[in-house]
Structure formats: C-alpha cells, structure tokens
C-alpha cells in the first residue's frame, strides 16, 4: 500500500515536471499563431472526431447510449500529446515541411480546450446521465461487530446509507449479514486490508471495538487512504488519553465520536438498557436525551459529529442518526438517568 501511494505520488510529480520542461522552451510567439482554422480544428476534435470514433467503436457493445455519449465526450489530452508536439514540431520545421511550426500551438490549444471543457463538464454530465456515484451517499465502514454496532449499521442500511461492517470473527457479523448489510471478515491491520476493502471502499471509518489502542491503530493505518479528517474512533475510557499535552497525539488516533464521553462501555450500556438508533430529520422534534452521532446531507455526504471539529449547520433536508432512549427517561440498572449521563 505504501509503495503504491509512493509510486502514484512520484508519477504526479514527474508528469508535473514534464509539463514544466515542455513549456519552458515554448516561444510565446508560437502561441500567437493561433488562428480560426486551428480553433476550428480543436472544435472538430472535441465535437466530431472523438465522439464519432467512440460511437463506431462501441456499436456492438453493451453500453447504453448515455454511456457511449459520455465516453465519446470525455477525452482530455495531456502529456503524451504535448511531448509528441514538442518533439515533432521543431523537427518537421527543420526538415522544411510547411506548417510544422503550427503543430505546437494546435496541440496546446487542444490540450487546454479538452482539459477545461471536459474537466468542468465531467461531474454535471455524469449526474445528468445518471452515471455518477458522486450524488450517492458516502459509505461508512464500522470496525467491530458488537451488538450495538450491528444495530447501527442495520439502521443506516435501511435508511439507504451505504455501510460495511468489519470484524475478524464471522459469528459476530451474522446479524448484520442476515439483515442484508455488506460485511467484511478481515484484519484491517494486515497486508490484506486494502484488498478486502476494494469491493466496498469506504469514505469514512468508525473504529468501534472495545480495544482503544486497536481503534487508534486502525485509524492511523487507514488515514493516508481515507484522509485524517474521515477516520473516527470511540472515546477512550480514560479522559487523560485525550489531554492536549499528555494524551495521545492527534496524529496517532482518529477523531473522537461525539463529545468525548461515548466510549464503548457507555454505548454498550445504553444499548442494553433499550436505547436504539433512529434516522430522523434535522428539523423534526427530538426526544429528550437524543444523542446525534452523524448527519446525512441531501447530497449524500456524511458527517460524523466529533468534539475535534465544529459541525456544519444542519439544513432542513438533512437527516440525523441519533441514539434515542427507549423512553424519554430511560433508567440505568442503578436507577440513574441515562438521558442525562451524556449531557
């Protein structure tokens, strides 16, 4: 995984440097040779040549007309075209071929036009044709198939939120699997973690096992893949572990779910006492003691609530996943008021 990320970063760096090298010796006077015929050729490549070629190539394929049109439109030119133009243009001119000096401005016009036109139209066109997953709800991976975590993913699954429950013990995954929730039996700290998540790539991760150090390790392990702002873990049972000066470094753990009081035992205790997970509208009346855990935006974006960042203001079409008492005043085994424990 680390080697693959290094290679990808190296490729981006080399391609960026190559563009700089190719344009370093580009005479600005060459760009001044842009003319209406060159612009017309650029338009023909965008609107005629590429679409016609793709349309003919996919005549006997299973692609729908929307998919064929989409593939025919999206085809930005880049480093290969620039490299060939930088090599062929000067050589053709030196060999006495007429128009050799027009290759570079023509190719760069095509590159700029395709990158701008295709780059800005890619997402809107994909959404228009129903080919984009960007409008779908982001996927949440929950690590640790405890009874309350199984109920959490089942509720989200029934609400249309893509989820995957991860655990190393197959028996713990049975409840969620029987409810139709995608499950994954894998050790996320192993070298097979990325292969296991390939079928259900998450956008956010919640490490929700009883082992606090394991949760931190999982978040640290997947932070480079998902982004450090998208990995969460349960609060540790000892408050000093979150202390700014003496606690676990933010770089060595995920964001803490909730206000810092929701450790594994707190959630398990509430679940055993009859608390349940509910997906409700942000503008609905909420029961006393409701604990909001995450929001589901109208555009499908997820946001897990954490004391480590300020939550976005919820709009009227936002849904919330809340942990709700069985009654307005759910009592703990010792008679204490559960609704008031979390604050």
Protein backbone atom coordinates (compact mmCIF):
# COMPACT_ATOMS: atom_id res chain seq x y z
CA UNK A 1 0.00 0.00 0.00
CA UNK A 2 2.72 2.46 0.97
CA UNK A 3 4.71 1.55 -2.17
CA UNK A 4 1.66 2.09 -4.38
CA UNK A 5 0.97 5.50 -2.83
CA UNK A 6 4.64 6.42 -3.29
CA UNK A 7 4.54 5.43 -6.96
CA UNK A 8 1.33 7.39 -7.54
CA UNK A 9 2.82 10.49 -5.91
CA UNK A 10 6.01 10.05 -7.93
CA UNK A 11 4.04 9.82 -11.18
CA UNK A 12 2.15 13.02 -10.38
CA UNK A 13 5.42 14.79 -9.58
CA UNK A 14 7.16 13.60 -12.75
CA UNK A 15 4.22 14.47 -15.00
CA UNK A 16 4.04 17.94 -13.46
CA UNK A 17 7.76 18.45 -14.00
CA UNK A 18 7.49 17.20 -17.58
CA UNK A 19 4.81 19.77 -18.36
CA UNK A 20 7.10 22.48 -16.99
CA UNK A 21 10.01 21.22 -19.11
CA UNK A 22 7.91 21.01 -22.27
CA UNK A 23 6.57 24.53 -21.90
CA UNK A 24 9.86 26.07 -20.74
CA UNK A 25 11.20 26.30 -24.29
CA UNK A 26 7.83 27.22 -25.80
CA UNK A 27 8.14 30.50 -27.61
CA UNK A 28 5.25 32.82 -26.83
CA UNK A 29 5.29 33.84 -30.47
CA UNK A 30 4.21 30.29 -31.31
CA UNK A 31 1.01 30.77 -29.32
CA UNK A 32 0.45 33.92 -31.31
CA UNK A 33 -0.03 31.72 -34.37
CA UNK A 34 -3.40 30.55 -33.08
CA UNK A 35 -5.93 31.23 -35.78
CA UNK A 36 -9.53 30.47 -36.67
CA UNK A 37 -8.55 27.29 -38.59
CA UNK A 38 -6.72 25.98 -35.51
CA UNK A 39 -9.67 26.79 -33.28
CA UNK A 40 -11.96 25.13 -35.81
CA UNK A 41 -9.80 22.00 -35.78
CA UNK A 42 -9.91 22.00 -31.98
CA UNK A 43 -13.70 22.20 -32.04
CA UNK A 44 -13.87 19.39 -34.60
CA UNK A 45 -11.72 17.15 -32.39
CA UNK A 46 -13.95 17.87 -29.39
CA UNK A 47 -17.36 17.58 -31.02
CA UNK A 48 -16.86 15.35 -34.09
CA UNK A 49 -13.73 13.21 -34.18
CA UNK A 50 -13.70 11.78 -30.65
CA UNK A 51 -17.49 11.21 -30.38
CA UNK A 52 -17.64 9.60 -33.84
CA UNK A 53 -14.69 7.30 -33.10
CA UNK A 54 -16.17 6.15 -29.79
CA UNK A 55 -19.63 5.73 -31.30
CA UNK A 56 -18.28 3.44 -34.03
CA UNK A 57 -16.04 1.53 -31.61
CA UNK A 58 -18.94 0.76 -29.27
CA UNK A 59 -21.60 -0.18 -31.84
CA UNK A 60 -21.73 -3.82 -30.74
CA UNK A 61 -21.04 -3.19 -27.07
CA UNK A 62 -23.45 -3.38 -24.14
CA UNK A 63 -23.03 0.31 -23.38
CA UNK A 64 -26.18 2.41 -23.31
CA UNK A 65 -26.46 5.48 -25.50
CA UNK A 66 -25.83 7.64 -22.43
CA UNK A 67 -22.64 5.77 -21.62
CA UNK A 68 -21.46 5.94 -25.23
CA UNK A 69 -22.15 9.65 -25.42
CA UNK A 70 -20.39 10.22 -22.11
CA UNK A 71 -17.28 8.26 -23.12
CA UNK A 72 -17.30 9.98 -26.50
CA UNK A 73 -17.26 13.40 -24.91
CA UNK A 74 -14.72 12.83 -22.14
CA UNK A 75 -11.21 12.50 -23.55
CA UNK A 76 -8.80 15.18 -22.31
CA UNK A 77 -5.42 15.32 -23.98
CA UNK A 78 -2.30 15.72 -21.91
CA UNK A 79 1.32 14.84 -21.50
CA UNK A 80 1.66 12.43 -24.43
CA UNK A 81 0.27 14.91 -26.94
CA UNK A 82 2.45 17.70 -25.54
CA UNK A 83 5.57 15.52 -25.65
CA UNK A 84 4.96 14.44 -29.24
CA UNK A 85 4.26 18.02 -30.33
CA UNK A 86 7.42 19.28 -28.67
CA UNK A 87 9.45 16.63 -30.50
CA UNK A 88 7.76 16.53 -33.90
CA UNK A 89 7.06 20.22 -34.43
CA UNK A 90 10.65 21.54 -34.47
CA UNK A 91 11.90 18.55 -36.48
CA UNK A 92 9.27 19.00 -39.17
CA UNK A 93 10.04 22.70 -39.39
CA UNK A 94 13.77 21.99 -39.65
CA UNK A 95 13.08 19.46 -42.40
CA UNK A 96 11.28 22.11 -44.40
CA UNK A 97 7.71 20.84 -44.04
CA UNK A 98 5.19 23.64 -44.34
CA UNK A 99 3.05 24.10 -41.26
CA UNK A 100 5.43 22.29 -38.94
CA UNK A 101 5.52 25.36 -36.74
CA UNK A 102 1.75 25.11 -36.26
CA UNK A 103 1.82 21.72 -34.56
CA UNK A 104 2.73 23.05 -31.12
CA UNK A 105 0.07 25.79 -30.94
CA UNK A 106 -2.52 23.38 -32.33
CA UNK A 107 -1.73 20.67 -29.79
CA UNK A 108 -1.62 23.07 -26.86
CA UNK A 109 -4.93 24.55 -27.96
CA UNK A 110 -6.44 21.05 -27.96
CA UNK A 111 -4.95 20.30 -24.52
CA UNK A 112 -6.27 23.49 -22.96
CA UNK A 113 -9.68 23.13 -24.58
CA UNK A 114 -10.17 19.48 -23.62
CA UNK A 115 -8.91 19.89 -20.07
CA UNK A 116 -11.16 22.88 -19.43
CA UNK A 117 -14.24 21.63 -21.28
CA UNK A 118 -14.07 18.05 -20.06
CA UNK A 119 -12.90 18.93 -16.57
CA UNK A 120 -15.75 21.34 -15.85
CA UNK A 121 -18.43 19.25 -17.57
CA UNK A 122 -17.45 15.79 -16.27
CA UNK A 123 -19.38 15.79 -12.99
CA UNK A 124 -22.52 17.64 -14.21
CA UNK A 125 -22.78 15.44 -17.31
CA UNK A 126 -22.30 12.24 -15.30
CA UNK A 127 -25.03 13.30 -12.88
CA UNK A 128 -27.29 14.28 -15.78
CA UNK A 129 -26.92 10.84 -17.35
CA UNK A 130 -27.20 9.02 -14.04
CA UNK A 131 -23.68 7.64 -14.34
CA UNK A 132 -22.17 9.28 -11.30
CA UNK A 133 -21.84 7.92 -7.79
CA UNK A 134 -21.00 11.37 -6.52
CA UNK A 135 -24.63 12.00 -5.70
CA UNK A 136 -24.88 8.72 -3.80
CA UNK A 137 -24.49 8.69 -0.07
CA UNK A 138 -20.92 8.23 1.06
CA UNK A 139 -20.04 4.84 2.51
CA UNK A 140 -19.27 4.32 6.18
CA UNK A 141 -17.14 1.42 7.40
CA UNK A 142 -17.70 0.40 11.01
CA UNK A 143 -14.99 -1.74 12.59
CA UNK A 144 -16.15 -4.05 15.37
CA UNK A 145 -19.36 -6.10 15.13
CA UNK A 146 -20.66 -5.64 18.66
CA UNK A 147 -24.46 -5.86 19.16
CA UNK A 148 -24.89 -2.09 19.23
CA UNK A 149 -22.61 -1.59 16.20
CA UNK A 150 -24.59 -4.22 14.29
CA UNK A 151 -27.81 -2.35 15.06
CA UNK A 152 -26.20 0.92 13.99
CA UNK A 153 -25.22 -0.34 10.53
CA UNK A 154 -28.58 -2.08 10.06
CA UNK A 155 -30.45 1.18 10.74
CA UNK A 156 -28.19 3.09 8.33
CA UNK A 157 -28.54 0.37 5.71
CA UNK A 158 -32.32 0.52 5.90
CA UNK A 159 -32.12 4.30 5.57
CA UNK A 160 -30.26 3.94 2.28
CA UNK A 161 -26.79 4.75 3.57
CA UNK A 162 -24.04 2.50 2.14
CA UNK A 163 -22.27 0.80 5.03
CA UNK A 164 -19.93 -2.11 5.59
CA UNK A 165 -19.35 -3.86 8.91
CA UNK A 166 -15.84 -5.18 9.50
CA UNK A 167 -14.75 -7.78 12.03
CA UNK A 168 -12.37 -10.71 12.26
CA UNK A 169 -14.94 -13.04 13.80
CA UNK A 170 -17.53 -14.39 11.31
CA UNK A 171 -20.10 -15.16 14.00
CA UNK A 172 -20.24 -11.52 15.07
CA UNK A 173 -21.09 -10.47 11.51
CA UNK A 174 -24.05 -12.84 11.16
CA UNK A 175 -26.73 -10.47 12.48
CA UNK A 176 -25.80 -7.67 10.09
CA UNK A 177 -25.29 -10.07 7.19
CA UNK A 178 -28.74 -11.60 7.70
CA UNK A 179 -30.18 -8.08 7.52
CA UNK A 180 -28.57 -7.52 4.11
CA UNK A 181 -25.71 -5.35 5.31
CA UNK A 182 -22.40 -5.85 3.46
CA UNK A 183 -19.87 -7.37 5.85
CA UNK A 184 -16.17 -7.98 5.65
CA UNK A 185 -14.16 -10.51 7.64
CA UNK A 186 -10.63 -9.14 7.58
CA UNK A 187 -7.95 -7.84 9.89
CA UNK A 188 -7.53 -4.20 8.91
CA UNK A 189 -4.00 -4.12 10.29
CA UNK A 190 -2.92 -6.91 7.96
CA UNK A 191 -1.46 -6.52 4.50
CA UNK A 192 -4.72 -7.82 3.04
CA UNK A 193 -6.75 -4.88 4.38
CA UNK A 194 -6.76 -2.87 1.15
CA UNK A 195 -7.73 -5.93 -0.88
CA UNK A 196 -10.61 -6.61 1.49
CA UNK A 197 -11.92 -3.05 1.30
CA UNK A 198 -11.64 -2.91 -2.50
CA UNK A 199 -15.18 -4.25 -3.02
CA UNK A 200 -16.69 -1.78 -0.54
CA UNK A 201 -14.34 1.23 -0.47
CA UNK A 202 -15.38 3.47 2.42
CA UNK A 203 -15.41 7.24 2.53
CA UNK A 204 -15.48 7.37 6.33
CA UNK A 205 -14.39 4.92 9.00
CA UNK A 206 -15.50 4.43 12.59
CA UNK A 207 -13.29 2.18 14.70
CA UNK A 208 -15.74 0.91 17.32
CA UNK A 209 -14.09 -2.01 19.06
CA UNK A 210 -13.59 -2.33 22.82
CA UNK A 211 -9.82 -2.07 22.38
CA UNK A 212 -8.97 1.63 22.38
CA UNK A 213 -5.40 1.18 21.16
CA UNK A 214 -6.58 -1.04 18.32
CA UNK A 215 -9.07 1.65 17.30
CA UNK A 216 -6.27 4.20 17.21
CA UNK A 217 -4.05 1.87 15.16
CA UNK A 218 -6.81 1.22 12.62
CA UNK A 219 -7.42 4.95 12.21
CA UNK A 220 -3.70 5.61 11.81
CA UNK A 221 -3.41 2.75 9.32
CA UNK A 222 -6.24 3.98 7.06
CA UNK A 223 -5.80 7.73 7.49
CA UNK A 224 -3.49 8.02 4.44
CA UNK A 225 -6.14 6.29 2.30
CA UNK A 226 -9.30 7.99 3.54
CA UNK A 227 -7.92 11.24 4.90
CA UNK A 228 -7.21 12.02 8.53
CA UNK A 229 -10.41 14.05 8.74
CA UNK A 230 -12.53 10.99 7.87
CA UNK A 231 -11.34 8.41 10.40
CA UNK A 232 -13.10 8.25 13.76
CA UNK A 233 -12.88 6.15 16.89
CA UNK A 234 -14.77 5.81 20.13
CA UNK A 235 -13.73 7.92 23.07
CA UNK A 236 -11.17 6.28 25.37
CA UNK A 237 -12.37 5.30 28.82
CA UNK A 238 -9.59 7.33 30.44
CA UNK A 239 -10.01 11.08 29.92
CA UNK A 240 -6.29 11.78 30.22
CA UNK A 241 -5.69 9.98 26.90
CA UNK A 242 -7.29 12.95 25.12
CA UNK A 243 -5.38 15.61 27.05
CA UNK A 244 -3.79 18.13 24.70
CA UNK A 245 -0.35 17.92 26.31
CA UNK A 246 -0.16 14.46 27.90
CA UNK A 247 -2.67 12.46 25.85
CA UNK A 248 -2.36 10.50 22.63
CA UNK A 249 -1.24 12.70 19.74
CA UNK A 250 -3.93 13.60 17.21
CA UNK A 251 -1.69 12.15 14.51
CA UNK A 252 -1.75 8.76 16.27
CA UNK A 253 -5.51 8.37 16.52
CA UNK A 254 -8.76 9.21 14.79
CA UNK A 255 -11.29 11.86 15.64
CA UNK A 256 -13.35 11.00 18.69
CA UNK A 257 -17.02 10.29 18.02
CA UNK A 258 -19.39 12.53 19.94
CA UNK A 259 -18.46 14.90 22.72
CA UNK A 260 -15.73 12.71 24.21
CA UNK A 261 -17.94 10.75 26.63
CA UNK A 262 -19.11 7.98 24.30
CA UNK A 263 -16.70 5.16 24.97
CA UNK A 264 -17.50 1.53 24.19
CA UNK A 265 -18.96 0.74 27.60
CA UNK A 266 -21.20 3.83 27.50
CA UNK A 267 -22.68 2.85 24.15
CA UNK A 268 -23.00 -0.82 25.08
CA UNK A 269 -24.70 0.09 28.35
CA UNK A 270 -27.23 2.33 26.66
CA UNK A 271 -27.92 -0.32 24.04
CA UNK A 272 -28.54 -2.96 26.70
CA UNK A 273 -30.84 -0.54 28.53
CA UNK A 274 -33.07 -0.21 25.48
CA UNK A 275 -31.62 2.76 23.65
CA UNK A 276 -31.85 2.45 19.89
CA UNK A 277 -30.61 4.12 16.72
CA UNK A 278 -33.05 6.23 14.71
CA UNK A 279 -32.66 8.21 11.47
CA UNK A 280 -34.71 11.40 11.78
CA UNK A 281 -34.95 14.73 10.00
CA UNK A 282 -32.88 17.57 11.40
CA UNK A 283 -35.99 19.76 11.65
CA UNK A 284 -38.05 17.14 13.48
CA UNK A 285 -38.79 17.28 17.18
CA UNK A 286 -36.27 15.13 19.00
CA UNK A 287 -36.81 13.18 22.19
CA UNK A 288 -35.19 14.28 25.41
CA UNK A 289 -31.78 12.69 25.68
CA UNK A 290 -31.26 12.13 21.94
CA UNK A 291 -27.58 11.87 21.04
CA UNK A 292 -26.80 12.91 17.46
CA UNK A 293 -23.97 10.82 16.03
CA UNK A 294 -23.85 11.72 12.34
CA UNK A 295 -25.65 13.71 9.67
CA UNK A 296 -26.70 12.60 6.19
CA UNK A 297 -26.83 15.50 3.76
CA UNK A 298 -29.30 15.80 0.91
CA UNK A 299 -26.37 15.34 -1.49
CA UNK A 300 -25.34 12.12 0.22
CA UNK A 301 -22.42 13.46 2.22
CA UNK A 302 -21.83 12.08 5.68
CA UNK A 303 -20.51 13.96 8.68
CA UNK A 304 -19.78 12.22 11.95
CA UNK A 305 -20.11 14.54 14.92
CA UNK A 306 -16.96 15.00 16.95
CA UNK A 307 -15.54 17.34 19.54
CA UNK A 308 -12.46 17.52 17.32
CA UNK A 309 -14.22 19.71 14.77
CA UNK A 310 -17.14 22.11 14.52
CA UNK A 311 -20.20 20.53 12.93
CA UNK A 312 -21.79 22.14 9.89
CA UNK A 313 -25.15 23.75 10.38
CA UNK A 314 -27.86 21.24 9.50
CA UNK A 315 -30.37 22.28 6.83
CA UNK A 316 -33.99 21.22 6.70
CA UNK A 317 -33.34 18.35 4.29
CA UNK A 318 -30.54 16.87 6.41
CA UNK A 319 -31.13 13.61 8.26
CA UNK A 320 -29.52 12.73 11.57
CA UNK A 321 -28.60 9.38 13.07
CA UNK A 322 -29.45 9.66 16.74
CA UNK A 323 -29.12 7.33 19.68
CA UNK A 324 -32.51 7.56 21.35
CA UNK A 325 -33.68 6.33 24.76
CA UNK A 326 -36.39 3.68 24.84
CA UNK A 327 -38.44 6.21 26.81
CA UNK A 328 -37.99 9.90 27.45
CA UNK A 329 -36.43 8.95 30.76
CA UNK A 330 -34.54 5.70 30.25
CA UNK A 331 -33.11 4.43 33.51
CA UNK A 332 -29.88 2.63 34.06
CA UNK A 333 -29.70 -0.52 36.15
CA UNK A 334 -28.81 1.51 39.25
CA UNK A 335 -31.65 3.95 38.64
CA UNK A 336 -29.56 6.78 37.24
CA UNK A 337 -30.97 8.85 34.40
CA UNK A 338 -29.29 7.64 31.17
CA UNK A 339 -30.63 10.58 29.18
CA UNK A 340 -28.70 12.91 31.40
CA UNK A 341 -25.43 10.99 31.51
CA UNK A 342 -24.13 12.05 28.10
CA UNK A 343 -25.08 15.65 28.56
